[in-house]
Protein backbone atom coordinates (compact mmCIF):
# COMPACT_ATOMS: atom_id res chain seq x y z
CA GLN A 1 23.45 -19.49 25.21
CA VAL A 2 20.94 -17.08 23.74
CA GLN A 3 19.69 -14.59 26.29
CA LEU A 4 17.30 -11.68 25.93
CA VAL A 5 16.65 -9.30 28.82
CA GLU A 6 13.96 -6.64 28.54
CA SER A 7 13.71 -3.50 30.63
CA GLY A 8 11.96 -0.16 30.64
CA GLY A 9 8.37 -1.10 31.34
CA GLY A 10 6.21 0.61 33.92
CA LEU A 11 3.04 2.52 34.66
CA VAL A 12 2.26 5.53 32.49
CA GLN A 13 -0.78 7.70 31.87
CA SER A 14 -2.63 7.64 28.57
CA GLY A 15 -0.78 9.80 26.07
CA GLY A 16 2.57 9.20 27.71
CA SER A 17 5.73 7.55 26.44
CA LEU A 18 8.02 4.70 27.38
CA ARG A 19 11.17 3.27 25.87
CA LEU A 20 11.75 -0.45 26.15
CA SER A 21 15.18 -2.02 25.78
CA CYS A 22 16.22 -5.59 25.08
CA ALA A 23 19.82 -6.57 25.75
CA ALA A 24 20.90 -9.62 23.77
CA SER A 25 23.78 -12.01 24.33
CA GLY A 26 24.99 -15.44 23.28
CA PHE A 27 24.62 -14.98 19.54
CA ALA A 28 25.77 -12.74 16.69
CA PHE A 29 23.15 -10.07 17.29
CA ARG A 30 24.06 -7.99 14.24
CA LEU A 31 23.13 -10.87 11.90
CA TYR A 32 19.59 -11.39 13.16
CA ASN A 33 16.23 -9.75 12.67
CA MET A 34 14.66 -8.84 15.99
CA ARG A 35 11.05 -8.58 17.07
CA TRP A 36 8.89 -7.13 19.83
CA TYR A 37 5.71 -8.95 20.79
CA ARG A 38 3.10 -8.23 23.43
CA GLN A 39 0.50 -10.23 25.28
CA SER A 40 -2.48 -9.03 27.25
CA PRO A 41 -4.45 -11.23 29.67
CA GLY A 42 -6.76 -13.57 27.79
CA LYS A 43 -5.28 -12.67 24.42
CA GLU A 44 -2.77 -14.32 22.13
CA ARG A 45 0.73 -12.98 21.86
CA GLU A 46 0.89 -10.53 18.96
CA LEU A 47 3.74 -9.16 16.88
CA VAL A 48 4.18 -5.44 17.51
CA ALA A 49 7.26 -4.58 15.43
CA ASP A 50 10.28 -6.11 13.77
CA ILE A 51 13.58 -4.81 12.47
CA SER A 52 16.07 -6.25 10.03
CA SER A 53 19.59 -7.20 11.02
CA PHE A 54 21.18 -3.86 10.09
CA GLY A 55 18.08 -1.79 10.80
CA GLY A 56 17.27 -0.93 7.22
CA SER A 57 13.78 -2.38 7.31
CA THR A 58 11.07 -2.14 9.95
CA ASN A 59 7.48 -3.32 10.14
CA TYR A 60 4.67 -2.52 12.56
CA ALA A 61 1.30 -3.83 13.58
CA ASP A 62 -1.46 -1.56 12.32
CA SER A 63 -2.46 -0.80 15.90
CA VAL A 64 0.88 0.88 16.68
CA LYS A 65 1.87 2.47 13.36
CA GLY A 66 2.79 6.10 13.76
CA ARG A 67 3.11 5.76 17.55
CA PHE A 68 5.84 3.15 18.11
CA ALA A 69 9.34 3.00 16.68
CA ILE A 70 11.71 0.03 16.75
CA SER A 71 15.44 0.59 16.50
CA ARG A 72 18.68 -1.20 17.29
CA ASP A 73 22.26 -0.54 18.25
CA ASN A 74 24.40 -3.38 16.99
CA ALA A 75 27.43 -2.07 18.89
CA LYS A 76 25.48 -2.51 22.12
CA ASN A 77 23.61 -5.69 21.15
CA THR A 78 20.39 -3.93 22.06
CA VAL A 79 17.03 -3.43 20.40
CA TYR A 80 14.64 -0.70 21.48
CA LEU A 81 10.94 0.05 21.27
CA GLN A 82 10.01 3.70 21.63
CA MET A 83 6.33 3.93 22.48
CA ASN A 84 4.56 7.28 22.21
CA SER A 85 0.94 8.37 22.55
CA LEU A 86 0.27 5.30 24.66
CA LYS A 87 -3.30 4.08 25.04
CA PRO A 88 -4.89 1.84 27.69
CA GLU A 89 -5.16 -0.90 25.05
CA ASP A 90 -1.35 -0.95 24.82
CA THR A 91 -1.29 -2.45 28.32
CA ALA A 92 0.48 -5.80 28.05
CA VAL A 93 3.64 -7.71 28.80
CA TYR A 94 6.15 -6.88 26.08
CA TYR A 95 8.60 -9.52 24.92
CA CYS A 96 11.75 -9.40 22.84
CA ASN A 97 12.18 -12.25 20.35
CA VAL A 98 14.72 -13.74 18.00
CA PHE A 99 14.60 -16.82 15.82
CA TYR A 100 18.06 -18.24 16.30
CA ALA A 101 19.44 -20.39 13.51
CA GLY A 102 22.51 -21.77 15.29
CA PRO A 103 22.81 -24.71 17.69
CA GLY A 104 19.57 -24.95 19.64
CA ARG A 105 17.76 -23.51 16.66
CA GLY A 106 14.39 -21.97 17.47
CA ASN A 107 12.50 -19.04 18.92
CA TYR A 108 13.96 -17.37 21.97
CA TRP A 109 12.16 -14.98 24.29
CA GLY A 110 13.03 -12.65 27.09
CA GLN A 111 11.24 -12.71 30.43
CA GLY A 112 9.02 -9.81 29.39
CA THR A 113 8.43 -6.35 30.80
CA GLN A 114 5.04 -5.09 31.97
CA VAL A 115 3.60 -1.94 30.43
CA THR A 116 0.48 -0.52 32.05
CA VAL A 117 -1.29 2.51 30.60
CA SER A 118 -3.87 4.16 32.81
CA SER A 119 -6.77 6.13 31.39
């Protein structure tokens, strides 16, 4: 079955950096676009970044452009989110996402990883 497991969150000071990882299993990772979302308390989940199946195309929310970078390693079935110049408003739970088109078609999410940026 489709599984996504995030890691790499933590507490960091404003201006610092973190690298999130999402290990995927149960599907042909290399064939799927992957996404990172985040959700802060009281707010809707928002799309942060996405990357095409072979990494040739990436997109970012305006709020993170120039600071965050999404990448993937198809040999390791892993997608990454490098976060630089972090701000307190980046504090959220970050989720990895894939829309799986096989049996059990639908959106799949990891358990999330907490990122807290102190001012």
